[in-house]
Amino acid sequence: MHTHRSRHIFQFMTILFSLIVECNWFGCAYLLTAIIALIVYTFIKISITLLFFIMNSMSHGLSSEICRVGTQGT
């Protein structure tokens, strides 16, 4: 049972490998580009979200600090 399953996995890997080799220049290049683009897009989106969050919290902190200093001055 176990050997049968491992043979199936091996066959699947062989098919997958042959597909990768065969469609190397077109399909896999396109797939790789799509994956890289998705990773880059996700990374940029997270970075922008973090940047906005940091800027927002910093500006809030600064404005509250200015208000505190302003009220102390009067």
PDB file of N, CA and C in Angstrom:
ATOM      1  N   MET A   1       0.834  -1.197   0.000  1.00  0.00           N
ATOM      2  CA  MET A   1       0.000   0.000   0.000  1.00  0.00           C
ATOM      3  C   MET A   1       0.877   1.258   0.000  1.00  0.00           C
ATOM      4  N   HIS A   2       1.865   1.266   0.899  1.00  0.00           N
ATOM      5  CA  HIS A   2       2.744   2.428   1.034  1.00  0.00           C
ATOM      6  C   HIS A   2       3.615   2.608  -0.214  1.00  0.00           C
ATOM      7  N   THR A   3       4.136   1.488  -0.730  1.00  0.00           N
ATOM      8  CA  THR A   3       4.988   1.539  -1.924  1.00  0.00           C
ATOM      9  C   THR A   3       4.175   1.982  -3.134  1.00  0.00           C
ATOM     10  N   HIS A   4       2.917   1.565  -3.184  1.00  0.00           N
ATOM     11  CA  HIS A   4       2.025   1.935  -4.283  1.00  0.00           C
ATOM     12  C   HIS A   4       1.817   3.447  -4.300  1.00  0.00           C
ATOM     13  N   ARG A   5       1.602   4.007  -3.115  1.00  0.00           N
ATOM     14  CA  ARG A   5       1.383   5.449  -2.987  1.00  0.00           C
ATOM     15  C   ARG A   5       2.651   6.222  -3.381  1.00  0.00           C
ATOM     16  N   SER A   6       3.786   5.762  -2.896  1.00  0.00           N
ATOM     17  CA  SER A   6       5.054   6.439  -3.198  1.00  0.00           C
ATOM     18  C   SER A   6       5.364   6.374  -4.695  1.00  0.00           C
ATOM     19  N   ARG A   7       4.952   5.270  -5.349  1.00  0.00           N
ATOM     20  CA  ARG A   7       5.132   5.144  -6.793  1.00  0.00           C
ATOM     21  C   ARG A   7       4.268   6.162  -7.518  1.00  0.00           C
ATOM     22  N   HIS A   8       3.052   6.372  -7.007  1.00  0.00           N
ATOM     23  CA  HIS A   8       2.149   7.372  -7.580  1.00  0.00           C
ATOM     24  C   HIS A   8       2.745   8.773  -7.450  1.00  0.00           C
ATOM     25  N   ILE A   9       3.312   9.051  -6.289  1.00  0.00           N
ATOM     26  CA  ILE A   9       3.956  10.346  -6.042  1.00  0.00           C
ATOM     27  C   ILE A   9       5.140  10.519  -6.989  1.00  0.00           C
ATOM     28  N   PHE A  10       5.906   9.459  -7.164  1.00  0.00           N
ATOM     29  CA  PHE A  10       7.063   9.496  -8.062  1.00  0.00           C
ATOM     30  C   PHE A  10       6.621   9.755  -9.501  1.00  0.00           C
ATOM     31  N   GLN A  11       5.537   9.072  -9.918  1.00  0.00           N
ATOM     32  CA  GLN A  11       4.987   9.271 -11.259  1.00  0.00           C
ATOM     33  C   GLN A  11       4.521  10.713 -11.433  1.00  0.00           C
ATOM     34  N   PHE A  12       3.846  11.227 -10.433  1.00  0.00           N
ATOM     35  CA  PHE A  12       3.343  12.600 -10.455  1.00  0.00           C
ATOM     36  C   PHE A  12       4.502  13.594 -10.579  1.00  0.00           C
ATOM     37  N   MET A  13       5.559  13.351  -9.805  1.00  0.00           N
ATOM     38  CA  MET A  13       6.739  14.217  -9.838  1.00  0.00           C
ATOM     39  C   MET A  13       7.420  14.165 -11.197  1.00  0.00           C
ATOM     40  N   THR A  14       7.473  12.965 -11.778  1.00  0.00           N
ATOM     41  CA  THR A  14       8.078  12.777 -13.098  1.00  0.00           C
ATOM     42  C   THR A  14       7.291  13.534 -14.157  1.00  0.00           C
ATOM     43  N   ILE A  15       5.956  13.420 -14.100  1.00  0.00           N
ATOM     44  CA  ILE A  15       5.072  14.123 -15.037  1.00  0.00           C
ATOM     45  C   ILE A  15       5.242  15.633 -14.873  1.00  0.00           C
ATOM     46  N   LEU A  16       5.258  16.071 -13.627  1.00  0.00           N
ATOM     47  CA  LEU A  16       5.414  17.484 -13.310  1.00  0.00           C
ATOM     48  C   LEU A  16       6.746  18.006 -13.842  1.00  0.00           C
ATOM     49  N   PHE A  17       7.804  17.231 -13.624  1.00  0.00           N
ATOM     50  CA  PHE A  17       9.142  17.610 -14.083  1.00  0.00           C
ATOM     51  C   PHE A  17       9.201  17.692 -15.601  1.00  0.00           C
ATOM     52  N   SER A  18       8.602  16.705 -16.278  1.00  0.00           N
ATOM     53  CA  SER A  18       8.592  16.692 -17.746  1.00  0.00           C
ATOM     54  C   SER A  18       7.791  17.876 -18.295  1.00  0.00           C
ATOM     55  N   LEU A  19       6.703  18.235 -17.591  1.00  0.00           N
ATOM     56  CA  LEU A  19       5.906  19.399 -17.976  1.00  0.00           C
ATOM     57  C   LEU A  19       6.727  20.674 -17.838  1.00  0.00           C
ATOM     58  N   ILE A  20       7.447  20.777 -16.735  1.00  0.00           N
ATOM     59  CA  ILE A  20       8.298  21.947 -16.486  1.00  0.00           C
ATOM     60  C   ILE A  20       9.374  22.056 -17.566  1.00  0.00           C
ATOM     61  N   VAL A  21       9.989  20.927 -17.910  1.00  0.00           N
ATOM     62  CA  VAL A  21      11.046  20.909 -18.926  1.00  0.00           C
ATOM     63  C   VAL A  21      10.468  21.274 -20.294  1.00  0.00           C
ATOM     64  N   GLU A  22       9.299  20.707 -20.626  1.00  0.00           N
ATOM     65  CA  GLU A  22       8.690  20.930 -21.935  1.00  0.00           C
ATOM     66  C   GLU A  22       8.200  22.364 -22.116  1.00  0.00           C
ATOM     67  N   CYS A  23       7.541  22.909 -21.098  1.00  0.00           N
ATOM     68  CA  CYS A  23       6.979  24.250 -21.237  1.00  0.00           C
ATOM     69  C   CYS A  23       7.892  25.291 -20.588  1.00  0.00           C
ATOM     70  N   ASN A  24       9.185  24.953 -20.557  1.00  0.00           N
ATOM     71  CA  ASN A  24      10.153  25.786 -19.848  1.00  0.00           C
ATOM     72  C   ASN A  24      10.149  27.231 -20.328  1.00  0.00           C
ATOM     73  N   TRP A  25      10.187  27.427 -21.640  1.00  0.00           N
ATOM     74  CA  TRP A  25      10.366  28.774 -22.185  1.00  0.00           C
ATOM     75  C   TRP A  25       9.083  29.581 -22.203  1.00  0.00           C
ATOM     76  N   PHE A  26       7.935  28.919 -22.277  1.00  0.00           N
ATOM     77  CA  PHE A  26       6.675  29.651 -22.405  1.00  0.00           C
ATOM     78  C   PHE A  26       5.845  29.596 -21.133  1.00  0.00           C
ATOM     79  N   GLY A  27       5.290  28.434 -20.867  1.00  0.00           N
ATOM     80  CA  GLY A  27       4.372  28.270 -19.741  1.00  0.00           C
ATOM     81  C   GLY A  27       4.996  28.568 -18.397  1.00  0.00           C
ATOM     82  N   CYS A  28       6.150  27.964 -18.146  1.00  0.00           N
ATOM     83  CA  CYS A  28       6.771  28.098 -16.833  1.00  0.00           C
ATOM     84  C   CYS A  28       7.374  29.470 -16.615  1.00  0.00           C
ATOM     85  N   ALA A  29       7.870  30.076 -17.693  1.00  0.00           N
ATOM     86  CA  ALA A  29       8.380  31.442 -17.603  1.00  0.00           C
ATOM     87  C   ALA A  29       7.226  32.381 -17.251  1.00  0.00           C
ATOM     88  N   TYR A  30       6.080  32.148 -17.896  1.00  0.00           N
ATOM     89  CA  TYR A  30       4.879  32.945 -17.634  1.00  0.00           C
ATOM     90  C   TYR A  30       4.394  32.735 -16.206  1.00  0.00           C
ATOM     91  N   LEU A  31       4.383  31.474 -15.781  1.00  0.00           N
ATOM     92  CA  LEU A  31       3.941  31.106 -14.437  1.00  0.00           C
ATOM     93  C   LEU A  31       4.859  31.722 -13.386  1.00  0.00           C
ATOM     94  N   LEU A  32       6.163  31.628 -13.636  1.00  0.00           N
ATOM     95  CA  LEU A  32       7.163  32.180 -12.731  1.00  0.00           C
ATOM     96  C   LEU A  32       7.018  33.695 -12.629  1.00  0.00           C
ATOM     97  N   THR A  33       6.802  34.344 -13.775  1.00  0.00           N
ATOM     98  CA  THR A  33       6.596  35.794 -13.813  1.00  0.00           C
ATOM     99  C   THR A  33       5.362  36.173 -13.014  1.00  0.00           C
ATOM    100  N   ALA A  34       4.293  35.397 -13.184  1.00  0.00           N
ATOM    101  CA  ALA A  34       3.042  35.645 -12.464  1.00  0.00           C
ATOM    102  C   ALA A  34       3.240  35.496 -10.957  1.00  0.00           C
ATOM    103  N   ILE A  35       3.973  34.456 -10.546  1.00  0.00           N
ATOM    104  CA  ILE A  35       4.241  34.207  -9.123  1.00  0.00           C
ATOM    105  C   ILE A  35       5.092  35.336  -8.541  1.00  0.00           C
ATOM    106  N   ILE A  36       6.151  35.718  -9.265  1.00  0.00           N
ATOM    107  CA  ILE A  36       7.033  36.802  -8.817  1.00  0.00           C
ATOM    108  C   ILE A  36       6.250  38.105  -8.718  1.00  0.00           C
ATOM    109  N   ALA A  37       5.425  38.384  -9.727  1.00  0.00           N
ATOM    110  CA  ALA A  37       4.604  39.596  -9.739  1.00  0.00           C
ATOM    111  C   ALA A  37       3.661  39.627  -8.540  1.00  0.00           C
ATOM    112  N   LEU A  38       3.076  38.481  -8.233  1.00  0.00           N
ATOM    113  CA  LEU A  38       2.156  38.359  -7.097  1.00  0.00           C
ATOM    114  C   LEU A  38       2.891  38.605  -5.782  1.00  0.00           C
ATOM    115  N   ILE A  39       4.086  38.023  -5.643  1.00  0.00           N
ATOM    116  CA  ILE A  39       4.901  38.201  -4.436  1.00  0.00           C
ATOM    117  C   ILE A  39       5.291  39.667  -4.278  1.00  0.00           C
ATOM    118  N   VAL A  40       5.754  40.282  -5.374  1.00  0.00           N
ATOM    119  CA  VAL A  40       6.164  41.691  -5.362  1.00  0.00           C
ATOM    120  C   VAL A  40       4.976  42.583  -5.017  1.00  0.00           C
ATOM    121  N   TYR A  41       3.825  42.308  -5.660  1.00  0.00           N
ATOM    122  CA  TYR A  41       2.605  43.082  -5.407  1.00  0.00           C
ATOM    123  C   TYR A  41       2.193  43.002  -3.941  1.00  0.00           C
ATOM    124  N   THR A  42       2.202  41.782  -3.399  1.00  0.00           N
ATOM    125  CA  THR A  42       1.844  41.562  -1.993  1.00  0.00           C
ATOM    126  C   THR A  42       2.815  42.296  -1.078  1.00  0.00           C
ATOM    127  N   PHE A  43       4.114  42.198  -1.387  1.00  0.00           N
ATOM    128  CA  PHE A  43       5.154  42.852  -0.595  1.00  0.00           C
ATOM    129  C   PHE A  43       4.973  44.365  -0.602  1.00  0.00           C
ATOM    130  N   ILE A  44       4.729  44.930  -1.792  1.00  0.00           N
ATOM    131  CA  ILE A  44       4.529  46.378  -1.930  1.00  0.00           C
ATOM    132  C   ILE A  44       3.282  46.811  -1.170  1.00  0.00           C
ATOM    133  N   LYS A  45       2.210  46.035  -1.308  1.00  0.00           N
ATOM    134  CA  LYS A  45       0.950  46.355  -0.638  1.00  0.00           C
ATOM    135  C   LYS A  45       1.132  46.371   0.883  1.00  0.00           C
ATOM    136  N   ILE A  46       1.819  45.356   1.410  1.00  0.00           N
ATOM    137  CA  ILE A  46       2.088  45.268   2.851  1.00  0.00           C
ATOM    138  C   ILE A  46       2.972  46.439   3.285  1.00  0.00           C
ATOM    139  N   SER A  47       4.003  46.736   2.484  1.00  0.00           N
ATOM    140  CA  SER A  47       4.923  47.834   2.793  1.00  0.00           C
ATOM    141  C   SER A  47       4.191  49.165   2.849  1.00  0.00           C
ATOM    142  N   ILE A  48       3.326  49.425   1.854  1.00  0.00           N
ATOM    143  CA  ILE A  48       2.557  50.672   1.798  1.00  0.00           C
ATOM    144  C   ILE A  48       1.619  50.765   2.994  1.00  0.00           C
ATOM    145  N   THR A  49       0.947  49.660   3.299  1.00  0.00           N
ATOM    146  CA  THR A  49       0.022  49.618   4.444  1.00  0.00           C
ATOM    147  C   THR A  49       0.771  49.915   5.735  1.00  0.00           C
ATOM    148  N   LEU A  50       1.935  49.284   5.907  1.00  0.00           N
ATOM    149  CA  LEU A  50       2.768  49.509   7.089  1.00  0.00           C
ATOM    150  C   LEU A  50       3.247  50.950   7.149  1.00  0.00           C
ATOM    151  N   LEU A  51       3.676  51.469   5.990  1.00  0.00           N
ATOM    152  CA  LEU A  51       4.176  52.839   5.905  1.00  0.00           C
ATOM    153  C   LEU A  51       3.093  53.830   6.304  1.00  0.00           C
ATOM    154  N   PHE A  52       1.889  53.641   5.762  1.00  0.00           N
ATOM    155  CA  PHE A  52       0.760  54.509   6.100  1.00  0.00           C
ATOM    156  C   PHE A  52       0.423  54.413   7.585  1.00  0.00           C
ATOM    157  N   PHE A  53       0.460  53.194   8.105  1.00  0.00           N
ATOM    158  CA  PHE A  53       0.157  52.968   9.524  1.00  0.00           C
ATOM    159  C   PHE A  53       1.170  53.680  10.412  1.00  0.00           C
ATOM    160  N   ILE A  54       2.462  53.537  10.062  1.00  0.00           N
ATOM    161  CA  ILE A  54       3.540  54.181  10.828  1.00  0.00           C
ATOM    162  C   ILE A  54       3.413  55.700  10.746  1.00  0.00           C
ATOM    163  N   MET A  55       3.205  56.214   9.525  1.00  0.00           N
ATOM    164  CA  MET A  55       3.059  57.659   9.324  1.00  0.00           C
ATOM    165  C   MET A  55       1.856  58.195  10.087  1.00  0.00           C
ATOM    166  N   ASN A  56       0.768  57.450  10.028  1.00  0.00           N
ATOM    167  CA  ASN A  56      -0.472  57.835  10.699  1.00  0.00           C
ATOM    168  C   ASN A  56      -0.276  57.897  12.209  1.00  0.00           C
ATOM    169  N   SER A  57       0.313  56.841  12.761  1.00  0.00           N
ATOM    170  CA  SER A  57       0.548  56.789  14.210  1.00  0.00           C
ATOM    171  C   SER A  57       1.563  57.850  14.637  1.00  0.00           C
ATOM    172  N   MET A  58       2.567  58.100  13.782  1.00  0.00           N
ATOM    173  CA  MET A  58       3.569  59.119  14.077  1.00  0.00           C
ATOM    174  C   MET A  58       2.947  60.508  14.067  1.00  0.00           C
ATOM    175  N   SER A  59       2.121  60.788  13.060  1.00  0.00           N
ATOM    176  CA  SER A  59       1.476  62.099  12.964  1.00  0.00           C
ATOM    177  C   SER A  59       0.506  62.301  14.128  1.00  0.00           C
ATOM    178  N   HIS A  60      -0.176  61.222  14.512  1.00  0.00           N
ATOM    179  CA  HIS A  60      -1.079  61.290  15.670  1.00  0.00           C
ATOM    180  C   HIS A  60      -0.286  61.577  16.936  1.00  0.00           C
ATOM    181  N   GLY A  61       0.833  60.886  17.077  1.00  0.00           N
ATOM    182  CA  GLY A  61       1.710  61.076  18.228  1.00  0.00           C
ATOM    183  C   GLY A  61       2.256  62.491  18.278  1.00  0.00           C
ATOM    184  N   LEU A  62       2.662  63.000  17.106  1.00  0.00           N
ATOM    185  CA  LEU A  62       3.210  64.357  17.018  1.00  0.00           C
ATOM    186  C   LEU A  62       2.148  65.400  17.326  1.00  0.00           C
ATOM    187  N   SER A  63       0.959  65.221  16.739  1.00  0.00           N
ATOM    188  CA  SER A  63      -0.116  66.197  16.948  1.00  0.00           C
ATOM    189  C   SER A  63      -0.561  66.224  18.408  1.00  0.00           C
ATOM    190  N   SER A  64      -0.636  65.047  19.035  1.00  0.00           N
ATOM    191  CA  SER A  64      -1.021  64.989  20.449  1.00  0.00           C
ATOM    192  C   SER A  64       0.071  65.608  21.316  1.00  0.00           C
ATOM    193  N   GLU A  65       1.323  65.425  20.907  1.00  0.00           N
ATOM    194  CA  GLU A  65       2.468  66.013  21.609  1.00  0.00           C
ATOM    195  C   GLU A  65       2.435  67.536  21.489  1.00  0.00           C
ATOM    196  N   ILE A  66       2.139  68.030  20.293  1.00  0.00           N
ATOM    197  CA  ILE A  66       2.040  69.480  20.042  1.00  0.00           C
ATOM    198  C   ILE A  66       0.888  70.064  20.859  1.00  0.00           C
ATOM    199  N   CYS A  67      -0.240  69.362  20.877  1.00  0.00           N
ATOM    200  CA  CYS A  67      -1.409  69.809  21.644  1.00  0.00           C
ATOM    201  C   CYS A  67      -1.074  69.874  23.136  1.00  0.00           C
ATOM    202  N   ARG A  68      -0.366  68.856  23.613  1.00  0.00           N
ATOM    203  CA  ARG A  68       0.009  68.784  25.022  1.00  0.00           C
ATOM    204  C   ARG A  68       0.943  69.949  25.376  1.00  0.00           C
ATOM    205  N   VAL A  69       1.915  70.207  24.514  1.00  0.00           N
ATOM    206  CA  VAL A  69       2.870  71.303  24.717  1.00  0.00           C
ATOM    207  C   VAL A  69       2.133  72.643  24.634  1.00  0.00           C
ATOM    208  N   GLY A  70       1.201  72.729  23.672  1.00  0.00           N
ATOM    209  CA  GLY A  70       0.416  73.957  23.484  1.00  0.00           C
ATOM    210  C   GLY A  70      -0.440  74.281  24.691  1.00  0.00           C
ATOM    211  N   THR A  71      -1.094  73.262  25.246  1.00  0.00           N
ATOM    212  CA  THR A  71      -1.962  73.479  26.414  1.00  0.00           C
ATOM    213  C   THR A  71      -1.133  73.807  27.651  1.00  0.00           C
ATOM    214  N   GLN A  72       0.062  73.252  27.724  1.00  0.00           N
ATOM    215  CA  GLN A  72       0.956  73.554  28.854  1.00  0.00           C
ATOM    216  C   GLN A  72       1.436  75.007  28.779  1.00  0.00           C
ATOM    217  N   GLY A  73       1.626  75.503  27.559  1.00  0.00           N
ATOM    218  CA  GLY A  73       2.139  76.851  27.349  1.00  0.00           C
ATOM    219  C   GLY A  73       1.168  77.927  27.795  1.00  0.00           C
ATOM    220  N   THR A  74      -0.132  77.653  27.663  1.00  0.00           N
ATOM    221  CA  THR A  74      -1.135  78.681  28.008  1.00  0.00           C
ATOM    222  C   THR A  74      -1.280  78.809  29.516  1.00  0.00           C
TER     223      THR A  74
END
